[in-house]
């Protein structure tokens, strides 16, 4: 499946960080007026976060749909308790919005209804894509560490009708744990964390003993220290057959990344996009290198 170089839709993935309620609602109000086509909403990291609860996310989803956006409800990637399992079941059984499945168990509750297979569903070859499509997947998010050559082969193997979505900007969630890294950093118990995540709107930086950026922690997530930046590869990805390009929210730069992708698809010059202060850029995975690297490649 070959697309025109600038024929793609723009998505904004779920908010991975714990922001104050007002900041979150203001952010989505800006997205409602942005060129983004698809918005993912919902708490995907920690069930203890309570600035917005499940009913608040649903109300927000309805408002965004009324503003003309396609809205997808994102589910948790790591389910640890019975309460979290019940919440996932309720999310999957609602009929108003498509769901992004963060883990395989969600498919049982979806019962064949169309869904988006999230980036941590381990879709690395055509057989997995066929398996997901038979269970209702309408789109899959490409694993974050996949290189461009492997992606090109994978797109040739996918079943007809299954869309592909690639994350092109934002910090990458690389690993998950039942332990809360943020709470441990502050020497707190997970259930008595004091919600310290809210103090770190882009995660908490980790550095080596030589003071080099290494990783970032965000609750139960380990993230890339740098911000993925594949914005310049948008035409190339579209020509490979990628239908949707994803921006992952950060405290600044998100709206600018969306605007840059929109400019490219309208064939007008795109402004440079800077990550939040103190955060570098990376793109190594796409070129088969260490993910932390940033290769300056001429478009």
Protein backbone atom coordinates (compact mmCIF):
# COMPACT_ATOMS: atom_id res chain seq x y z
CA UNK A 1 0.00 0.00 0.00
CA UNK A 2 1.66 3.23 -1.14
CA UNK A 3 0.40 6.64 -0.13
CA UNK A 4 1.17 10.09 -1.41
CA UNK A 5 4.16 11.52 0.50
CA UNK A 6 2.02 13.96 2.52
CA UNK A 7 -1.18 11.92 2.86
CA UNK A 8 -1.46 11.06 6.54
CA UNK A 9 -3.58 11.84 9.55
CA UNK A 10 -2.16 13.32 12.75
CA UNK A 11 -2.85 11.81 16.15
CA UNK A 12 -1.98 12.87 19.69
CA UNK A 13 -1.41 9.91 21.97
CA UNK A 14 -2.67 9.62 25.55
CA UNK A 15 -1.24 11.96 28.18
CA UNK A 16 1.34 9.88 30.04
CA UNK A 17 2.04 12.38 32.81
CA UNK A 18 0.11 13.51 35.87
CA UNK A 19 -0.83 17.13 35.28
CA UNK A 20 -3.16 19.30 37.38
CA UNK A 21 -6.76 19.13 36.25
CA UNK A 22 -6.83 22.70 34.91
CA UNK A 23 -3.63 22.21 32.93
CA UNK A 24 -4.99 18.99 31.42
CA UNK A 25 -8.30 20.53 30.37
CA UNK A 26 -6.57 23.60 28.94
CA UNK A 27 -4.22 21.36 26.97
CA UNK A 28 -7.10 19.46 25.37
CA UNK A 29 -8.96 22.70 24.68
CA UNK A 30 -5.95 23.77 22.62
CA UNK A 31 -5.89 20.41 20.86
CA UNK A 32 -9.56 20.83 20.00
CA UNK A 33 -8.56 23.87 17.94
CA UNK A 34 -5.46 22.24 16.47
CA UNK A 35 -5.03 20.40 13.12
CA UNK A 36 -4.80 17.04 14.95
CA UNK A 37 -7.28 14.52 13.54
CA UNK A 38 -7.25 11.81 16.23
CA UNK A 39 -6.99 12.32 19.99
CA UNK A 40 -6.34 9.54 22.48
CA UNK A 41 -7.57 10.22 26.01
CA UNK A 42 -7.53 8.35 29.32
CA UNK A 43 -5.22 7.37 32.18
CA UNK A 44 -2.79 4.73 30.99
CA UNK A 45 -0.09 4.78 33.67
CA UNK A 46 -1.42 4.81 37.25
CA UNK A 47 -4.90 4.15 38.61
CA UNK A 48 -4.16 6.23 41.70
CA UNK A 49 -4.04 9.45 39.70
CA UNK A 50 -7.29 11.27 40.35
CA UNK A 51 -7.17 14.78 38.88
CA UNK A 52 -9.42 13.34 36.16
CA UNK A 53 -11.42 10.20 36.86
CA UNK A 54 -13.00 7.82 34.37
CA UNK A 55 -16.20 9.84 34.04
CA UNK A 56 -14.14 13.01 33.47
CA UNK A 57 -12.20 11.40 30.64
CA UNK A 58 -15.48 10.29 29.04
CA UNK A 59 -16.93 13.80 29.32
CA UNK A 60 -13.75 15.19 27.77
CA UNK A 61 -13.95 12.63 24.97
CA UNK A 62 -17.50 13.74 24.17
CA UNK A 63 -16.47 17.39 24.10
CA UNK A 64 -13.58 16.66 21.76
CA UNK A 65 -15.81 14.62 19.46
CA UNK A 66 -18.26 17.52 19.38
CA UNK A 67 -15.34 19.70 18.28
CA UNK A 68 -14.87 17.44 15.26
CA UNK A 69 -12.09 15.17 16.47
CA UNK A 70 -11.92 11.40 16.23
CA UNK A 71 -11.49 10.26 19.84
CA UNK A 72 -10.04 6.98 21.10
CA UNK A 73 -10.11 5.88 24.75
CA UNK A 74 -6.76 4.46 25.85
CA UNK A 75 -6.54 1.58 28.33
CA UNK A 76 -3.82 0.70 30.82
CA UNK A 77 -0.74 -1.19 29.69
CA UNK A 78 -0.16 -2.91 33.03
CA UNK A 79 -3.12 -4.30 35.00
CA UNK A 80 -2.21 -5.16 38.60
CA UNK A 81 -5.38 -5.23 40.73
CA UNK A 82 -8.94 -6.43 40.57
CA UNK A 83 -10.15 -2.83 40.57
CA UNK A 84 -7.97 -2.04 37.57
CA UNK A 85 -9.26 -5.13 35.76
CA UNK A 86 -12.85 -4.04 36.43
CA UNK A 87 -12.12 -0.52 35.19
CA UNK A 88 -10.60 -1.93 32.00
CA UNK A 89 -13.64 -4.14 31.45
CA UNK A 90 -15.95 -1.15 31.82
CA UNK A 91 -13.82 0.89 29.43
CA UNK A 92 -13.87 -1.83 26.79
CA UNK A 93 -17.59 -2.53 27.08
CA UNK A 94 -18.71 1.08 26.50
CA UNK A 95 -19.99 1.56 22.95
CA UNK A 96 -19.40 5.28 22.35
CA UNK A 97 -15.70 5.29 21.46
CA UNK A 98 -13.08 3.02 19.97
CA UNK A 99 -10.52 1.74 22.48
CA UNK A 100 -6.75 1.58 22.29
CA UNK A 101 -5.83 -1.77 23.85
CA UNK A 102 -2.69 -1.42 25.92
CA UNK A 103 -2.46 -5.14 26.67
CA UNK A 104 -3.81 -8.40 25.25
CA UNK A 105 -6.39 -8.98 27.99
CA UNK A 106 -8.41 -6.01 26.78
CA UNK A 107 -9.34 -7.90 23.61
CA UNK A 108 -11.42 -10.39 25.58
CA UNK A 109 -13.68 -7.57 26.77
CA UNK A 110 -13.80 -5.94 23.34
CA UNK A 111 -15.32 -9.18 21.96
CA UNK A 112 -14.39 -8.54 18.33
CA UNK A 113 -15.29 -4.84 18.19
CA UNK A 114 -12.81 -2.63 16.30
CA UNK A 115 -9.89 -1.37 18.37
CA UNK A 116 -6.41 0.12 18.11
CA UNK A 117 -3.55 -2.15 19.16
CA UNK A 118 -1.23 -0.01 21.27
CA UNK A 119 2.54 0.30 20.86
CA UNK A 120 3.33 -2.28 23.55
CA UNK A 121 1.36 -5.16 21.98
CA UNK A 122 4.55 -6.57 20.44
CA UNK A 123 3.44 -6.50 16.81
CA UNK A 124 6.74 -7.32 15.13
CA UNK A 125 5.71 -9.50 12.18
CA UNK A 126 2.88 -10.18 9.77
CA UNK A 127 1.58 -13.20 11.66
CA UNK A 128 0.95 -11.09 14.75
CA UNK A 129 -0.80 -8.44 12.66
CA UNK A 130 -3.07 -11.07 11.13
CA UNK A 131 -3.85 -12.42 14.61
CA UNK A 132 -4.72 -8.93 15.85
CA UNK A 133 -6.82 -8.13 12.77
CA UNK A 134 -8.87 -11.31 13.21
CA UNK A 135 -9.70 -10.14 16.72
CA UNK A 136 -10.89 -6.74 15.60
CA UNK A 137 -7.80 -4.53 15.30
CA UNK A 138 -8.48 -1.69 12.87
CA UNK A 139 -5.10 -0.04 13.43
CA UNK A 140 -1.85 -0.91 15.18
CA UNK A 141 0.79 1.38 16.66
CA UNK A 142 4.25 0.31 15.51
CA UNK A 143 6.64 -0.74 18.33
CA UNK A 144 8.68 2.29 19.32
CA UNK A 145 12.09 0.70 18.80
CA UNK A 146 11.42 -0.61 15.27
CA UNK A 147 13.84 0.60 12.61
CA UNK A 148 12.73 1.95 9.26
CA UNK A 149 13.82 -1.03 7.16
CA UNK A 150 12.00 -3.49 9.41
CA UNK A 151 8.95 -1.23 9.34
CA UNK A 152 8.91 -1.23 5.54
CA UNK A 153 8.92 -5.05 5.51
CA UNK A 154 6.24 -5.24 8.21
CA UNK A 155 3.93 -2.95 6.25
CA UNK A 156 4.20 -5.29 3.29
CA UNK A 157 3.12 -8.21 5.49
CA UNK A 158 0.10 -6.63 7.15
CA UNK A 159 -3.39 -7.80 6.23
CA UNK A 160 -5.56 -5.62 4.02
CA UNK A 161 -7.53 -2.98 5.86
CA UNK A 162 -5.25 -2.77 8.91
CA UNK A 163 -3.91 0.76 9.37
CA UNK A 164 -0.48 1.60 10.76
CA UNK A 165 0.35 4.38 13.20
CA UNK A 166 3.89 5.52 14.00
CA UNK A 167 4.97 7.73 16.89
CA UNK A 168 7.15 10.55 15.57
CA UNK A 169 7.55 12.96 18.49
CA UNK A 170 7.73 12.79 22.30
CA UNK A 171 9.44 10.81 25.02
CA UNK A 172 9.15 7.06 24.45
CA UNK A 173 7.80 4.72 27.13
CA UNK A 174 10.34 1.88 27.06
CA UNK A 175 9.43 -0.37 30.00
CA UNK A 176 6.86 -0.88 32.75
CA UNK A 177 7.04 -2.29 36.26
CA UNK A 178 4.67 -3.10 39.10
CA UNK A 179 7.00 -0.92 41.20
CA UNK A 180 6.54 2.85 41.05
CA UNK A 181 9.93 4.29 40.18
CA UNK A 182 8.93 7.83 41.13
CA UNK A 183 7.80 6.79 44.61
CA UNK A 184 10.97 4.77 45.11
CA UNK A 185 13.09 7.74 44.05
CA UNK A 186 11.57 9.74 46.89
CA UNK A 187 11.82 6.75 49.27
CA UNK A 188 8.06 6.44 49.51
CA UNK A 189 5.75 3.44 49.35
CA UNK A 190 3.77 3.08 46.16
CA UNK A 191 0.42 3.45 47.94
CA UNK A 192 1.71 6.39 49.98
CA UNK A 193 3.47 8.26 47.19
CA UNK A 194 2.02 11.69 47.87
CA UNK A 195 1.34 11.91 44.12
CA UNK A 196 4.83 13.23 43.53
CA UNK A 197 4.45 12.64 39.77
CA UNK A 198 2.46 15.87 39.56
CA UNK A 199 5.66 17.78 40.33
CA UNK A 200 7.31 16.46 37.15
CA UNK A 201 5.20 17.31 34.07
CA UNK A 202 7.63 15.56 31.68
CA UNK A 203 8.83 12.81 33.98
CA UNK A 204 11.86 12.75 36.26
CA UNK A 205 15.26 12.78 34.55
CA UNK A 206 17.83 10.10 35.34
CA UNK A 207 21.53 10.68 34.68
CA UNK A 208 24.64 8.56 34.84
CA UNK A 209 27.41 9.17 37.34
CA UNK A 210 29.08 11.19 34.59
CA UNK A 211 25.96 13.43 34.54
CA UNK A 212 24.88 12.26 31.10
CA UNK A 213 21.20 11.98 30.26
CA UNK A 214 20.22 8.33 30.41
CA UNK A 215 16.51 7.67 31.00
CA UNK A 216 13.45 9.28 32.57
CA UNK A 217 10.98 7.82 35.06
CA UNK A 218 7.25 8.47 35.14
CA UNK A 219 5.49 6.42 37.80
CA UNK A 220 5.69 2.79 36.69
CA UNK A 221 7.22 3.78 33.33
CA UNK A 222 10.81 4.03 32.25
CA UNK A 223 11.04 6.48 29.37
CA UNK A 224 13.68 7.72 26.98
CA UNK A 225 15.67 10.64 28.32
CA UNK A 226 15.40 12.41 24.98
CA UNK A 227 12.39 13.33 22.90
CA UNK A 228 11.91 11.22 19.80
CA UNK A 229 11.95 13.44 16.73
CA UNK A 230 10.99 11.88 13.41
CA UNK A 231 9.04 14.91 12.19
CA UNK A 232 11.32 15.26 9.17
CA UNK A 233 10.56 11.67 8.18
CA UNK A 234 6.82 12.30 7.78
CA UNK A 235 6.77 12.18 3.94
CA UNK A 236 8.94 9.05 3.95
CA UNK A 237 6.69 7.28 6.46
CA UNK A 238 3.58 8.18 4.49
CA UNK A 239 5.15 6.91 1.27
CA UNK A 240 5.77 3.57 3.03
CA UNK A 241 2.05 3.33 3.73
CA UNK A 242 1.78 4.67 7.28
CA UNK A 243 -1.66 6.25 7.63
CA UNK A 244 -1.32 7.96 11.03
CA UNK A 245 1.60 9.84 12.62
CA UNK A 246 1.48 10.18 16.42
CA UNK A 247 2.69 12.94 18.70
CA UNK A 248 3.02 12.04 22.39
CA UNK A 249 2.16 14.91 24.77
CA UNK A 250 4.87 16.86 26.55
CA UNK A 251 4.53 20.02 28.64
CA UNK A 252 5.67 22.13 25.69
CA UNK A 253 6.23 21.57 22.00
CA UNK A 254 3.24 19.28 21.47
CA UNK A 255 1.06 21.78 19.63
CA UNK A 256 4.09 22.91 17.63
CA UNK A 257 4.81 19.30 16.59
CA UNK A 258 1.21 18.90 15.43
CA UNK A 259 1.45 22.17 13.50
CA UNK A 260 4.71 21.06 11.87
CA UNK A 261 3.17 17.80 10.67
CA UNK A 262 0.17 19.70 9.35
CA UNK A 263 2.43 22.13 7.50
CA UNK A 264 4.29 19.27 5.82
CA UNK A 265 1.10 17.59 4.65
CA UNK A 266 -0.05 20.94 3.22
CA UNK A 267 3.33 21.29 1.47
CA UNK A 268 4.29 24.49 3.26
CA UNK A 269 7.48 25.13 5.28
CA UNK A 270 7.37 23.74 8.81
CA UNK A 271 8.87 25.58 11.77
CA UNK A 272 11.47 23.88 13.95
CA UNK A 273 10.06 22.19 17.05
CA UNK A 274 11.89 22.24 20.36
CA UNK A 275 11.27 19.72 23.17
CA UNK A 276 10.70 21.01 26.71
CA UNK A 277 13.69 22.80 28.21
CA UNK A 278 16.49 20.48 29.23
CA UNK A 279 15.29 17.56 27.08
CA UNK A 280 17.31 16.55 24.03
CA UNK A 281 16.20 14.87 20.82
CA UNK A 282 16.77 11.33 19.52
CA UNK A 283 15.95 9.18 16.49
CA UNK A 284 18.49 6.36 16.65
CA UNK A 285 16.05 3.46 16.67
CA UNK A 286 14.64 4.42 13.28
CA UNK A 287 18.10 4.13 11.72
CA UNK A 288 18.99 0.88 13.45
CA UNK A 289 21.25 2.61 15.97
CA UNK A 290 21.10 3.09 19.73
CA UNK A 291 17.81 4.77 20.51
CA UNK A 292 19.49 7.60 22.43
CA UNK A 293 21.36 8.83 19.33
CA UNK A 294 20.27 11.78 17.21
CA UNK A 295 21.27 11.45 13.57
CA UNK A 296 21.04 14.55 11.40
CA UNK A 297 19.80 13.11 8.12
CA UNK A 298 19.10 15.29 5.10
CA UNK A 299 15.44 14.96 4.10
